Amino acid sequence: ITASLNDTQRGEILWTNKFDGSFEDV
């Protein structure tokens, strides 16, 4: 699962992360 938080006014990515695991870790 990949996810990122974007500030669209400033055009900046405030946070990004990648998560590897199994369904039990959701």
mmCIF file of all heavy atoms, coordinates in Angstrom:
data_MODEL
# 
_entry.id   MODEL 
# 
loop_
_atom_site.group_PDB 
_atom_site.id 
_atom_site.type_symbol 
_atom_site.label_atom_id 
_atom_site.label_alt_id 
_atom_site.label_comp_id 
_atom_site.label_asym_id 
_atom_site.label_entity_id 
_atom_site.label_seq_id 
_atom_site.pdbx_PDB_ins_code 
_atom_site.Cartn_x 
_atom_site.Cartn_y 
_atom_site.Cartn_z 
_atom_site.occupancy 
_atom_site.B_iso_or_equiv 
_atom_site.pdbx_formal_charge 
_atom_site.auth_seq_id 
_atom_site.auth_comp_id 
_atom_site.auth_asym_id 
_atom_site.auth_atom_id 
_atom_site.pdbx_PDB_model_num 
ATOM 1   N N   . ILE A 1 1  ? 0.860  -1.187  0.000  1.00 0.00 ? 1  ILE A N   1 
ATOM 2   C CA  . ILE A 1 1  ? 0.000  0.000   0.000  1.00 0.00 ? 1  ILE A CA  1 
ATOM 3   C C   . ILE A 1 1  ? 0.894  1.234   0.000  1.00 0.00 ? 1  ILE A C   1 
ATOM 4   O O   . ILE A 1 1  ? 1.835  1.332   0.802  1.00 0.00 ? 1  ILE A O   1 
ATOM 5   C CB  . ILE A 1 1  ? -0.916 0.034   1.238  1.00 0.00 ? 1  ILE A CB  1 
ATOM 6   C CG1 . ILE A 1 1  ? -1.697 -1.273  1.369  1.00 0.00 ? 1  ILE A CG1 1 
ATOM 7   C CG2 . ILE A 1 1  ? -1.882 1.207   1.163  1.00 0.00 ? 1  ILE A CG2 1 
ATOM 8   C CD1 . ILE A 1 1  ? -2.500 -1.386  2.644  1.00 0.00 ? 1  ILE A CD1 1 
ATOM 9   N N   . THR A 1 2  ? 0.634  2.152   -0.903 1.00 0.00 ? 2  THR A N   1 
ATOM 10  C CA  . THR A 1 2  ? 1.359  3.423   -0.918 1.00 0.00 ? 2  THR A CA  1 
ATOM 11  C C   . THR A 1 2  ? 0.371  4.550   -0.608 1.00 0.00 ? 2  THR A C   1 
ATOM 12  O O   . THR A 1 2  ? -0.807 4.471   -0.953 1.00 0.00 ? 2  THR A O   1 
ATOM 13  C CB  . THR A 1 2  ? 2.001  3.685   -2.292 1.00 0.00 ? 2  THR A CB  1 
ATOM 14  O OG1 . THR A 1 2  ? 0.962  3.684   -3.294 1.00 0.00 ? 2  THR A OG1 1 
ATOM 15  C CG2 . THR A 1 2  ? 3.023  2.618   -2.623 1.00 0.00 ? 2  THR A CG2 1 
ATOM 16  N N   . ALA A 1 3  ? 0.846  5.572   0.058  1.00 0.00 ? 3  ALA A N   1 
ATOM 17  C CA  . ALA A 1 3  ? -0.012 6.712   0.398  1.00 0.00 ? 3  ALA A CA  1 
ATOM 18  C C   . ALA A 1 3  ? 0.830  7.968   0.515  1.00 0.00 ? 3  ALA A C   1 
ATOM 19  O O   . ALA A 1 3  ? 2.010  7.918   0.882  1.00 0.00 ? 3  ALA A O   1 
ATOM 20  C CB  . ALA A 1 3  ? -0.753 6.455   1.710  1.00 0.00 ? 3  ALA A CB  1 
ATOM 21  N N   . SER A 1 4  ? 0.216  9.105   0.187  1.00 0.00 ? 4  SER A N   1 
ATOM 22  C CA  . SER A 1 4  ? 0.896  10.389  0.332  1.00 0.00 ? 4  SER A CA  1 
ATOM 23  C C   . SER A 1 4  ? -0.118 11.462  0.686  1.00 0.00 ? 4  SER A C   1 
ATOM 24  O O   . SER A 1 4  ? -1.305 11.353  0.356  1.00 0.00 ? 4  SER A O   1 
ATOM 25  C CB  . SER A 1 4  ? 1.626  10.775  -0.964 1.00 0.00 ? 4  SER A CB  1 
ATOM 26  O OG  . SER A 1 4  ? 0.694  10.944  -2.022 1.00 0.00 ? 4  SER A OG  1 
ATOM 27  N N   . LEU A 1 5  ? 0.335  12.471  1.386  1.00 0.00 ? 5  LEU A N   1 
ATOM 28  C CA  . LEU A 1 5  ? -0.488 13.626  1.748  1.00 0.00 ? 5  LEU A CA  1 
ATOM 29  C C   . LEU A 1 5  ? 0.059  14.841  1.018  1.00 0.00 ? 5  LEU A C   1 
ATOM 30  O O   . LEU A 1 5  ? 1.233  15.191  1.162  1.00 0.00 ? 5  LEU A O   1 
ATOM 31  C CB  . LEU A 1 5  ? -0.453 13.861  3.263  1.00 0.00 ? 5  LEU A CB  1 
ATOM 32  C CG  . LEU A 1 5  ? -1.197 15.099  3.765  1.00 0.00 ? 5  LEU A CG  1 
ATOM 33  C CD1 . LEU A 1 5  ? -2.699 14.941  3.576  1.00 0.00 ? 5  LEU A CD1 1 
ATOM 34  C CD2 . LEU A 1 5  ? -0.870 15.377  5.236  1.00 0.00 ? 5  LEU A CD2 1 
ATOM 35  N N   . ASN A 1 6  ? -0.806 15.482  0.206  1.00 0.00 ? 6  ASN A N   1 
ATOM 36  C CA  . ASN A 1 6  ? -0.367 16.597  -0.637 1.00 0.00 ? 6  ASN A CA  1 
ATOM 37  C C   . ASN A 1 6  ? -1.055 17.888  -0.239 1.00 0.00 ? 6  ASN A C   1 
ATOM 38  O O   . ASN A 1 6  ? -2.279 17.923  -0.023 1.00 0.00 ? 6  ASN A O   1 
ATOM 39  C CB  . ASN A 1 6  ? -0.701 16.300  -2.109 1.00 0.00 ? 6  ASN A CB  1 
ATOM 40  C CG  . ASN A 1 6  ? -0.107 14.988  -2.569 1.00 0.00 ? 6  ASN A CG  1 
ATOM 41  O OD1 . ASN A 1 6  ? 1.098  14.831  -2.575 1.00 0.00 ? 6  ASN A OD1 1 
ATOM 42  N ND2 . ASN A 1 6  ? -0.949 14.039  -2.933 1.00 0.00 ? 6  ASN A ND2 1 
ATOM 43  N N   . ASP A 1 7  ? -0.273 18.960  -0.142 1.00 0.00 ? 7  ASP A N   1 
ATOM 44  C CA  . ASP A 1 7  ? -0.806 20.305  0.041  1.00 0.00 ? 7  ASP A CA  1 
ATOM 45  C C   . ASP A 1 7  ? -0.950 20.904  -1.356 1.00 0.00 ? 7  ASP A C   1 
ATOM 46  O O   . ASP A 1 7  ? 0.036  21.291  -1.987 1.00 0.00 ? 7  ASP A O   1 
ATOM 47  C CB  . ASP A 1 7  ? 0.147  21.141  0.891  1.00 0.00 ? 7  ASP A CB  1 
ATOM 48  C CG  . ASP A 1 7  ? -0.384 22.546  1.167  1.00 0.00 ? 7  ASP A CG  1 
ATOM 49  O OD1 . ASP A 1 7  ? -1.257 23.024  0.412  1.00 0.00 ? 7  ASP A OD1 1 
ATOM 50  O OD2 . ASP A 1 7  ? 0.073  23.174  2.137  1.00 0.00 ? 7  ASP A OD2 1 
ATOM 51  N N   . THR A 1 8  ? -2.170 20.963  -1.880 1.00 0.00 ? 8  THR A N   1 
ATOM 52  C CA  . THR A 1 8  ? -2.372 21.374  -3.279 1.00 0.00 ? 8  THR A CA  1 
ATOM 53  C C   . THR A 1 8  ? -2.174 22.866  -3.474 1.00 0.00 ? 8  THR A C   1 
ATOM 54  O O   . THR A 1 8  ? -1.907 23.295  -4.595 1.00 0.00 ? 8  THR A O   1 
ATOM 55  C CB  . THR A 1 8  ? -3.780 20.974  -3.750 1.00 0.00 ? 8  THR A CB  1 
ATOM 56  O OG1 . THR A 1 8  ? -4.769 21.659  -2.972 1.00 0.00 ? 8  THR A OG1 1 
ATOM 57  C CG2 . THR A 1 8  ? -3.984 19.474  -3.628 1.00 0.00 ? 8  THR A CG2 1 
ATOM 58  N N   . GLN A 1 9  ? -2.305 23.662  -2.409 1.00 0.00 ? 9  GLN A N   1 
ATOM 59  C CA  . GLN A 1 9  ? -2.080 25.107  -2.554 1.00 0.00 ? 9  GLN A CA  1 
ATOM 60  C C   . GLN A 1 9  ? -0.604 25.416  -2.765 1.00 0.00 ? 9  GLN A C   1 
ATOM 61  O O   . GLN A 1 9  ? -0.239 26.271  -3.572 1.00 0.00 ? 9  GLN A O   1 
ATOM 62  C CB  . GLN A 1 9  ? -2.618 25.846  -1.325 1.00 0.00 ? 9  GLN A CB  1 
ATOM 63  C CG  . GLN A 1 9  ? -4.137 25.940  -1.277 1.00 0.00 ? 9  GLN A CG  1 
ATOM 64  C CD  . GLN A 1 9  ? -4.626 26.846  -0.161 1.00 0.00 ? 9  GLN A CD  1 
ATOM 65  O OE1 . GLN A 1 9  ? -3.837 27.554  0.478  1.00 0.00 ? 9  GLN A OE1 1 
ATOM 66  N NE2 . GLN A 1 9  ? -5.928 26.834  0.086  1.00 0.00 ? 9  GLN A NE2 1 
ATOM 67  N N   . ARG A 1 10 ? 0.242  24.710  -2.020 1.00 0.00 ? 10 ARG A N   1 
ATOM 68  C CA  . ARG A 1 10 ? 1.681  24.948  -2.127 1.00 0.00 ? 10 ARG A CA  1 
ATOM 69  C C   . ARG A 1 10 ? 2.358  24.015  -3.124 1.00 0.00 ? 10 ARG A C   1 
ATOM 70  O O   . ARG A 1 10 ? 3.541  24.196  -3.434 1.00 0.00 ? 10 ARG A O   1 
ATOM 71  C CB  . ARG A 1 10 ? 2.343  24.777  -0.754 1.00 0.00 ? 10 ARG A CB  1 
ATOM 72  C CG  . ARG A 1 10 ? 1.894  25.814  0.265  1.00 0.00 ? 10 ARG A CG  1 
ATOM 73  C CD  . ARG A 1 10 ? 2.658  25.635  1.565  1.00 0.00 ? 10 ARG A CD  1 
ATOM 74  N NE  . ARG A 1 10 ? 2.310  26.641  2.545  1.00 0.00 ? 10 ARG A NE  1 
ATOM 75  C CZ  . ARG A 1 10 ? 2.826  26.731  3.762  1.00 0.00 ? 10 ARG A CZ  1 
ATOM 76  N NH1 . ARG A 1 10 ? 3.743  25.841  4.138  1.00 0.00 ? 10 ARG A NH1 1 
ATOM 77  N NH2 . ARG A 1 10 ? 2.448  27.678  4.590  1.00 0.00 ? 10 ARG A NH2 1 
ATOM 78  N N   . GLY A 1 11 ? 1.634  22.998  -3.570 1.00 0.00 ? 11 GLY A N   1 
ATOM 79  C CA  . GLY A 1 11 ? 2.228  22.029  -4.482 1.00 0.00 ? 11 GLY A CA  1 
ATOM 80  C C   . GLY A 1 11 ? 3.294  21.183  -3.818 1.00 0.00 ? 11 GLY A C   1 
ATOM 81  O O   . GLY A 1 11 ? 4.297  20.831  -4.452 1.00 0.00 ? 11 GLY A O   1 
ATOM 82  N N   . GLU A 1 12 ? 3.098  20.858  -2.536 1.00 0.00 ? 12 GLU A N   1 
ATOM 83  C CA  . GLU A 1 12 ? 4.098  20.108  -1.774 1.00 0.00 ? 12 GLU A CA  1 
ATOM 84  C C   . GLU A 1 12 ? 3.534  18.768  -1.306 1.00 0.00 ? 12 GLU A C   1 
ATOM 85  O O   . GLU A 1 12 ? 2.342  18.658  -0.992 1.00 0.00 ? 12 GLU A O   1 
ATOM 86  C CB  . GLU A 1 12 ? 4.538  20.897  -0.535 1.00 0.00 ? 12 GLU A CB  1 
ATOM 87  C CG  . GLU A 1 12 ? 5.227  22.209  -0.840 1.00 0.00 ? 12 GLU A CG  1 
ATOM 88  C CD  . GLU A 1 12 ? 5.575  22.975  0.429  1.00 0.00 ? 12 GLU A CD  1 
ATOM 89  O OE1 . GLU A 1 12 ? 5.160  22.532  1.521  1.00 0.00 ? 12 GLU A OE1 1 
ATOM 90  O OE2 . GLU A 1 12 ? 6.244  24.024  0.310  1.00 0.00 ? 12 GLU A OE2 1 
ATOM 91  N N   . ILE A 1 13 ? 4.411  17.774  -1.246 1.00 0.00 ? 13 ILE A N   1 
ATOM 92  C CA  . ILE A 1 13 ? 4.062  16.497  -0.621 1.00 0.00 ? 13 ILE A CA  1 
ATOM 93  C C   . ILE A 1 13 ? 4.503  16.583  0.835  1.00 0.00 ? 13 ILE A C   1 
ATOM 94  O O   . ILE A 1 13 ? 5.706  16.690  1.127  1.00 0.00 ? 13 ILE A O   1 
ATOM 95  C CB  . ILE A 1 13 ? 4.740  15.307  -1.325 1.00 0.00 ? 13 ILE A CB  1 
ATOM 96  C CG1 . ILE A 1 13 ? 4.236  15.199  -2.776 1.00 0.00 ? 13 ILE A CG1 1 
ATOM 97  C CG2 . ILE A 1 13 ? 4.463  14.008  -0.576 1.00 0.00 ? 13 ILE A CG2 1 
ATOM 98  C CD1 . ILE A 1 13 ? 4.919  14.100  -3.566 1.00 0.00 ? 13 ILE A CD1 1 
ATOM 99  N N   . LEU A 1 14 ? 3.562  16.576  1.759  1.00 0.00 ? 14 LEU A N   1 
ATOM 100 C CA  . LEU A 1 14 ? 3.871  16.732  3.174  1.00 0.00 ? 14 LEU A CA  1 
ATOM 101 C C   . LEU A 1 14 ? 4.324  15.420  3.808  1.00 0.00 ? 14 LEU A C   1 
ATOM 102 O O   . LEU A 1 14 ? 5.058  15.424  4.801  1.00 0.00 ? 14 LEU A O   1 
ATOM 103 C CB  . LEU A 1 14 ? 2.643  17.251  3.928  1.00 0.00 ? 14 LEU A CB  1 
ATOM 104 C CG  . LEU A 1 14 ? 2.068  18.602  3.456  1.00 0.00 ? 14 LEU A CG  1 
ATOM 105 C CD1 . LEU A 1 14 ? 0.878  18.983  4.317  1.00 0.00 ? 14 LEU A CD1 1 
ATOM 106 C CD2 . LEU A 1 14 ? 3.127  19.690  3.506  1.00 0.00 ? 14 LEU A CD2 1 
ATOM 107 N N   . TRP A 1 15 ? 3.861  14.323  3.237  1.00 0.00 ? 15 TRP A N   1 
ATOM 108 C CA  . TRP A 1 15 ? 4.176  13.019  3.836  1.00 0.00 ? 15 TRP A CA  1 
ATOM 109 C C   . TRP A 1 15 ? 3.941  11.937  2.800  1.00 0.00 ? 15 TRP A C   1 
ATOM 110 O O   . TRP A 1 15 ? 3.018  12.024  1.999  1.00 0.00 ? 15 TRP A O   1 
ATOM 111 C CB  . TRP A 1 15 ? 3.273  12.800  5.054  1.00 0.00 ? 15 TRP A CB  1 
ATOM 112 C CG  . TRP A 1 15 ? 3.251  11.397  5.561  1.00 0.00 ? 15 TRP A CG  1 
ATOM 113 C CD1 . TRP A 1 15 ? 4.155  10.813  6.401  1.00 0.00 ? 15 TRP A CD1 1 
ATOM 114 C CD2 . TRP A 1 15 ? 2.277  10.388  5.256  1.00 0.00 ? 15 TRP A CD2 1 
ATOM 115 N NE1 . TRP A 1 15 ? 3.804  9.498   6.640  1.00 0.00 ? 15 TRP A NE1 1 
ATOM 116 C CE2 . TRP A 1 15 ? 2.650  9.221   5.956  1.00 0.00 ? 15 TRP A CE2 1 
ATOM 117 C CE3 . TRP A 1 15 ? 1.131  10.364  4.473  1.00 0.00 ? 15 TRP A CE3 1 
ATOM 118 C CZ2 . TRP A 1 15 ? 1.918  8.039   5.875  1.00 0.00 ? 15 TRP A CZ2 1 
ATOM 119 C CZ3 . TRP A 1 15 ? 0.400  9.194   4.396  1.00 0.00 ? 15 TRP A CZ3 1 
ATOM 120 C CH2 . TRP A 1 15 ? 0.796  8.048   5.101  1.00 0.00 ? 15 TRP A CH2 1 
ATOM 121 N N   . THR A 1 16 ? 4.805  10.942  2.791  1.00 0.00 ? 16 THR A N   1 
ATOM 122 C CA  . THR A 1 16 ? 4.606  9.801   1.899  1.00 0.00 ? 16 THR A CA  1 
ATOM 123 C C   . THR A 1 16 ? 5.136  8.546   2.578  1.00 0.00 ? 16 THR A C   1 
ATOM 124 O O   . THR A 1 16 ? 6.070  8.616   3.400  1.00 0.00 ? 16 THR A O   1 
ATOM 125 C CB  . THR A 1 16 ? 5.295  10.005  0.542  1.00 0.00 ? 16 THR A CB  1 
ATOM 126 O OG1 . THR A 1 16 ? 4.958  8.917   -0.330 1.00 0.00 ? 16 THR A OG1 1 
ATOM 127 C CG2 . THR A 1 16 ? 6.802  10.087  0.682  1.00 0.00 ? 16 THR A CG2 1 
ATOM 128 N N   . ASN A 1 17 ? 4.533  7.421   2.268  1.00 0.00 ? 17 ASN A N   1 
ATOM 129 C CA  . ASN A 1 17 ? 4.960  6.182   2.920  1.00 0.00 ? 17 ASN A CA  1 
ATOM 130 C C   . ASN A 1 17 ? 4.585  4.991   2.052  1.00 0.00 ? 17 ASN A C   1 
ATOM 131 O O   . ASN A 1 17 ? 3.654  5.064   1.247  1.00 0.00 ? 17 ASN A O   1 
ATOM 132 C CB  . ASN A 1 17 ? 4.321  6.045   4.302  1.00 0.00 ? 17 ASN A CB  1 
ATOM 133 C CG  . ASN A 1 17 ? 5.073  5.052   5.179  1.00 0.00 ? 17 ASN A CG  1 
ATOM 134 O OD1 . ASN A 1 17 ? 6.090  4.496   4.773  1.00 0.00 ? 17 ASN A OD1 1 
ATOM 135 N ND2 . ASN A 1 17 ? 4.571  4.839   6.390  1.00 0.00 ? 17 ASN A ND2 1 
ATOM 136 N N   . LYS A 1 18 ? 5.311  3.904   2.246  1.00 0.00 ? 18 LYS A N   1 
ATOM 137 C CA  . LYS A 1 18 ? 5.039  2.639   1.570  1.00 0.00 ? 18 LYS A CA  1 
ATOM 138 C C   . LYS A 1 18 ? 4.924  1.566   2.645  1.00 0.00 ? 18 LYS A C   1 
ATOM 139 O O   . LYS A 1 18 ? 5.721  1.541   3.589  1.00 0.00 ? 18 LYS A O   1 
ATOM 140 C CB  . LYS A 1 18 ? 6.162  2.303   0.595  1.00 0.00 ? 18 LYS A CB  1 
ATOM 141 C CG  . LYS A 1 18 ? 5.980  0.982   -0.139 1.00 0.00 ? 18 LYS A CG  1 
ATOM 142 C CD  . LYS A 1 18 ? 7.112  0.766   -1.114 1.00 0.00 ? 18 LYS A CD  1 
ATOM 143 C CE  . LYS A 1 18 ? 8.427  0.534   -0.394 1.00 0.00 ? 18 LYS A CE  1 
ATOM 144 N NZ  . LYS A 1 18 ? 9.535  0.218   -1.331 1.00 0.00 ? 18 LYS A NZ  1 
ATOM 145 N N   . PHE A 1 19 ? 3.917  0.720   2.487  1.00 0.00 ? 19 PHE A N   1 
ATOM 146 C CA  . PHE A 1 19 ? 3.652  -0.299  3.516  1.00 0.00 ? 19 PHE A CA  1 
ATOM 147 C C   . PHE A 1 19 ? 3.583  -1.669  2.854  1.00 0.00 ? 19 PHE A C   1 
ATOM 148 O O   . PHE A 1 19 ? 2.794  -1.886  1.942  1.00 0.00 ? 19 PHE A O   1 
ATOM 149 C CB  . PHE A 1 19 ? 2.331  0.017   4.208  1.00 0.00 ? 19 PHE A CB  1 
ATOM 150 C CG  . PHE A 1 19 ? 1.938  -0.961  5.279  1.00 0.00 ? 19 PHE A CG  1 
ATOM 151 C CD1 . PHE A 1 19 ? 2.410  -0.814  6.572  1.00 0.00 ? 19 PHE A CD1 1 
ATOM 152 C CD2 . PHE A 1 19 ? 1.098  -2.016  4.993  1.00 0.00 ? 19 PHE A CD2 1 
ATOM 153 C CE1 . PHE A 1 19 ? 2.049  -1.707  7.566  1.00 0.00 ? 19 PHE A CE1 1 
ATOM 154 C CE2 . PHE A 1 19 ? 0.725  -2.924  5.975  1.00 0.00 ? 19 PHE A CE2 1 
ATOM 155 C CZ  . PHE A 1 19 ? 1.200  -2.764  7.267  1.00 0.00 ? 19 PHE A CZ  1 
ATOM 156 N N   . ASP A 1 20 ? 4.455  -2.572  3.294  1.00 0.00 ? 20 ASP A N   1 
ATOM 157 C CA  . ASP A 1 20 ? 4.450  -3.947  2.797  1.00 0.00 ? 20 ASP A CA  1 
ATOM 158 C C   . ASP A 1 20 ? 4.053  -4.874  3.929  1.00 0.00 ? 20 ASP A C   1 
ATOM 159 O O   . ASP A 1 20 ? 4.591  -4.786  5.043  1.00 0.00 ? 20 ASP A O   1 
ATOM 160 C CB  . ASP A 1 20 ? 5.843  -4.347  2.280  1.00 0.00 ? 20 ASP A CB  1 
ATOM 161 C CG  . ASP A 1 20 ? 6.182  -3.628  0.993  1.00 0.00 ? 20 ASP A CG  1 
ATOM 162 O OD1 . ASP A 1 20 ? 5.424  -3.781  0.015  1.00 0.00 ? 20 ASP A OD1 1 
ATOM 163 O OD2 . ASP A 1 20 ? 7.185  -2.898  0.967  1.00 0.00 ? 20 ASP A OD2 1 
ATOM 164 N N   . GLY A 1 21 ? 3.123  -5.764  3.654  1.00 0.00 ? 21 GLY A N   1 
ATOM 165 C CA  . GLY A 1 21 ? 2.699  -6.699  4.684  1.00 0.00 ? 21 GLY A CA  1 
ATOM 166 C C   . GLY A 1 21 ? 1.643  -7.640  4.153  1.00 0.00 ? 21 GLY A C   1 
ATOM 167 O O   . GLY A 1 21 ? 1.496  -7.823  2.940  1.00 0.00 ? 21 GLY A O   1 
ATOM 168 N N   . SER A 1 22 ? 0.877  -8.208  5.064  1.00 0.00 ? 22 SER A N   1 
ATOM 169 C CA  . SER A 1 22 ? -0.217 -9.094  4.709  1.00 0.00 ? 22 SER A CA  1 
ATOM 170 C C   . SER A 1 22 ? -1.522 -8.449  5.154  1.00 0.00 ? 22 SER A C   1 
ATOM 171 O O   . SER A 1 22 ? -1.529 -7.395  5.797  1.00 0.00 ? 22 SER A O   1 
ATOM 172 C CB  . SER A 1 22 ? -0.048 -10.456 5.394  1.00 0.00 ? 22 SER A CB  1 
ATOM 173 O OG  . SER A 1 22 ? -0.129 -10.306 6.800  1.00 0.00 ? 22 SER A OG  1 
ATOM 174 N N   . PHE A 1 23 ? -2.623 -9.099  4.819  1.00 0.00 ? 23 PHE A N   1 
ATOM 175 C CA  . PHE A 1 23 ? -3.919 -8.532  5.175  1.00 0.00 ? 23 PHE A CA  1 
ATOM 176 C C   . PHE A 1 23 ? -4.060 -8.378  6.686  1.00 0.00 ? 23 PHE A C   1 
ATOM 177 O O   . PHE A 1 23 ? -4.727 -7.468  7.165  1.00 0.00 ? 23 PHE A O   1 
ATOM 178 C CB  . PHE A 1 23 ? -5.042 -9.420  4.633  1.00 0.00 ? 23 PHE A CB  1 
ATOM 179 C CG  . PHE A 1 23 ? -6.389 -8.766  4.669  1.00 0.00 ? 23 PHE A CG  1 
ATOM 180 C CD1 . PHE A 1 23 ? -6.821 -7.956  3.633  1.00 0.00 ? 23 PHE A CD1 1 
ATOM 181 C CD2 . PHE A 1 23 ? -7.233 -8.929  5.763  1.00 0.00 ? 23 PHE A CD2 1 
ATOM 182 C CE1 . PHE A 1 23 ? -8.049 -7.330  3.678  1.00 0.00 ? 23 PHE A CE1 1 
ATOM 183 C CE2 . PHE A 1 23 ? -8.459 -8.315  5.814  1.00 0.00 ? 23 PHE A CE2 1 
ATOM 184 C CZ  . PHE A 1 23 ? -8.874 -7.520  4.765  1.00 0.00 ? 23 PHE A CZ  1 
ATOM 185 N N   . GLU A 1 24 ? -3.400 -9.253  7.448  1.00 0.00 ? 24 GLU A N   1 
ATOM 186 C CA  . GLU A 1 24 ? -3.482 -9.180  8.904  1.00 0.00 ? 24 GLU A CA  1 
ATOM 187 C C   . GLU A 1 24 ? -2.895 -7.880  9.451  1.00 0.00 ? 24 GLU A C   1 
ATOM 188 O O   . GLU A 1 24 ? -3.192 -7.471  10.576 1.00 0.00 ? 24 GLU A O   1 
ATOM 189 C CB  . GLU A 1 24 ? -2.758 -10.368 9.540  1.00 0.00 ? 24 GLU A CB  1 
ATOM 190 C CG  . GLU A 1 24 ? -3.507 -11.692 9.450  1.00 0.00 ? 24 GLU A CG  1 
ATOM 191 C CD  . GLU A 1 24 ? -3.429 -12.324 8.069  1.00 0.00 ? 24 GLU A CD  1 
ATOM 192 O OE1 . GLU A 1 24 ? -2.706 -11.787 7.205  1.00 0.00 ? 24 GLU A OE1 1 
ATOM 193 O OE2 . GLU A 1 24 ? -4.112 -13.346 7.844  1.00 0.00 ? 24 GLU A OE2 1 
ATOM 194 N N   . ASP A 1 25 ? -2.049 -7.201  8.659  1.00 0.00 ? 25 ASP A N   1 
ATOM 195 C CA  . ASP A 1 25 ? -1.389 -5.978  9.117  1.00 0.00 ? 25 ASP A CA  1 
ATOM 196 C C   . ASP A 1 25 ? -2.152 -4.703  8.739  1.00 0.00 ? 25 ASP A C   1 
ATOM 197 O O   . ASP A 1 25 ? -1.675 -3.597  8.975  1.00 0.00 ? 25 ASP A O   1 
ATOM 198 C CB  . ASP A 1 25 ? 0.020  -5.880  8.509  1.00 0.00 ? 25 ASP A CB  1 
ATOM 199 C CG  . ASP A 1 25 ? 0.863  -7.105  8.815  1.00 0.00 ? 25 ASP A CG  1 
ATOM 200 O OD1 . ASP A 1 25 ? 0.863  -7.526  9.982  1.00 0.00 ? 25 ASP A OD1 1 
ATOM 201 O OD2 . ASP A 1 25 ? 1.513  -7.620  7.894  1.00 0.00 ? 25 ASP A OD2 1 
ATOM 202 N N   . VAL A 1 26 ? -3.344 -4.848  8.142  1.00 0.00 ? 26 VAL A N   1 
ATOM 203 C CA  . VAL A 1 26 ? -4.025 -3.694  7.572  1.00 0.00 ? 26 VAL A CA  1 
ATOM 204 C C   . VAL A 1 26 ? -4.405 -2.662  8.624  1.00 0.00 ? 26 VAL A C   1 
ATOM 205 O O   . VAL A 1 26 ? -4.387 -1.459  8.370  1.00 0.00 ? 26 VAL A O   1 
ATOM 206 C CB  . VAL A 1 26 ? -5.264 -4.149  6.772  1.00 0.00 ? 26 VAL A CB  1 
ATOM 207 C CG1 . VAL A 1 26 ? -6.333 -4.727  7.689  1.00 0.00 ? 26 VAL A CG1 1 
ATOM 208 C CG2 . VAL A 1 26 ? -5.840 -3.006  5.967  1.00 0.00 ? 26 VAL A CG2 1 
# 
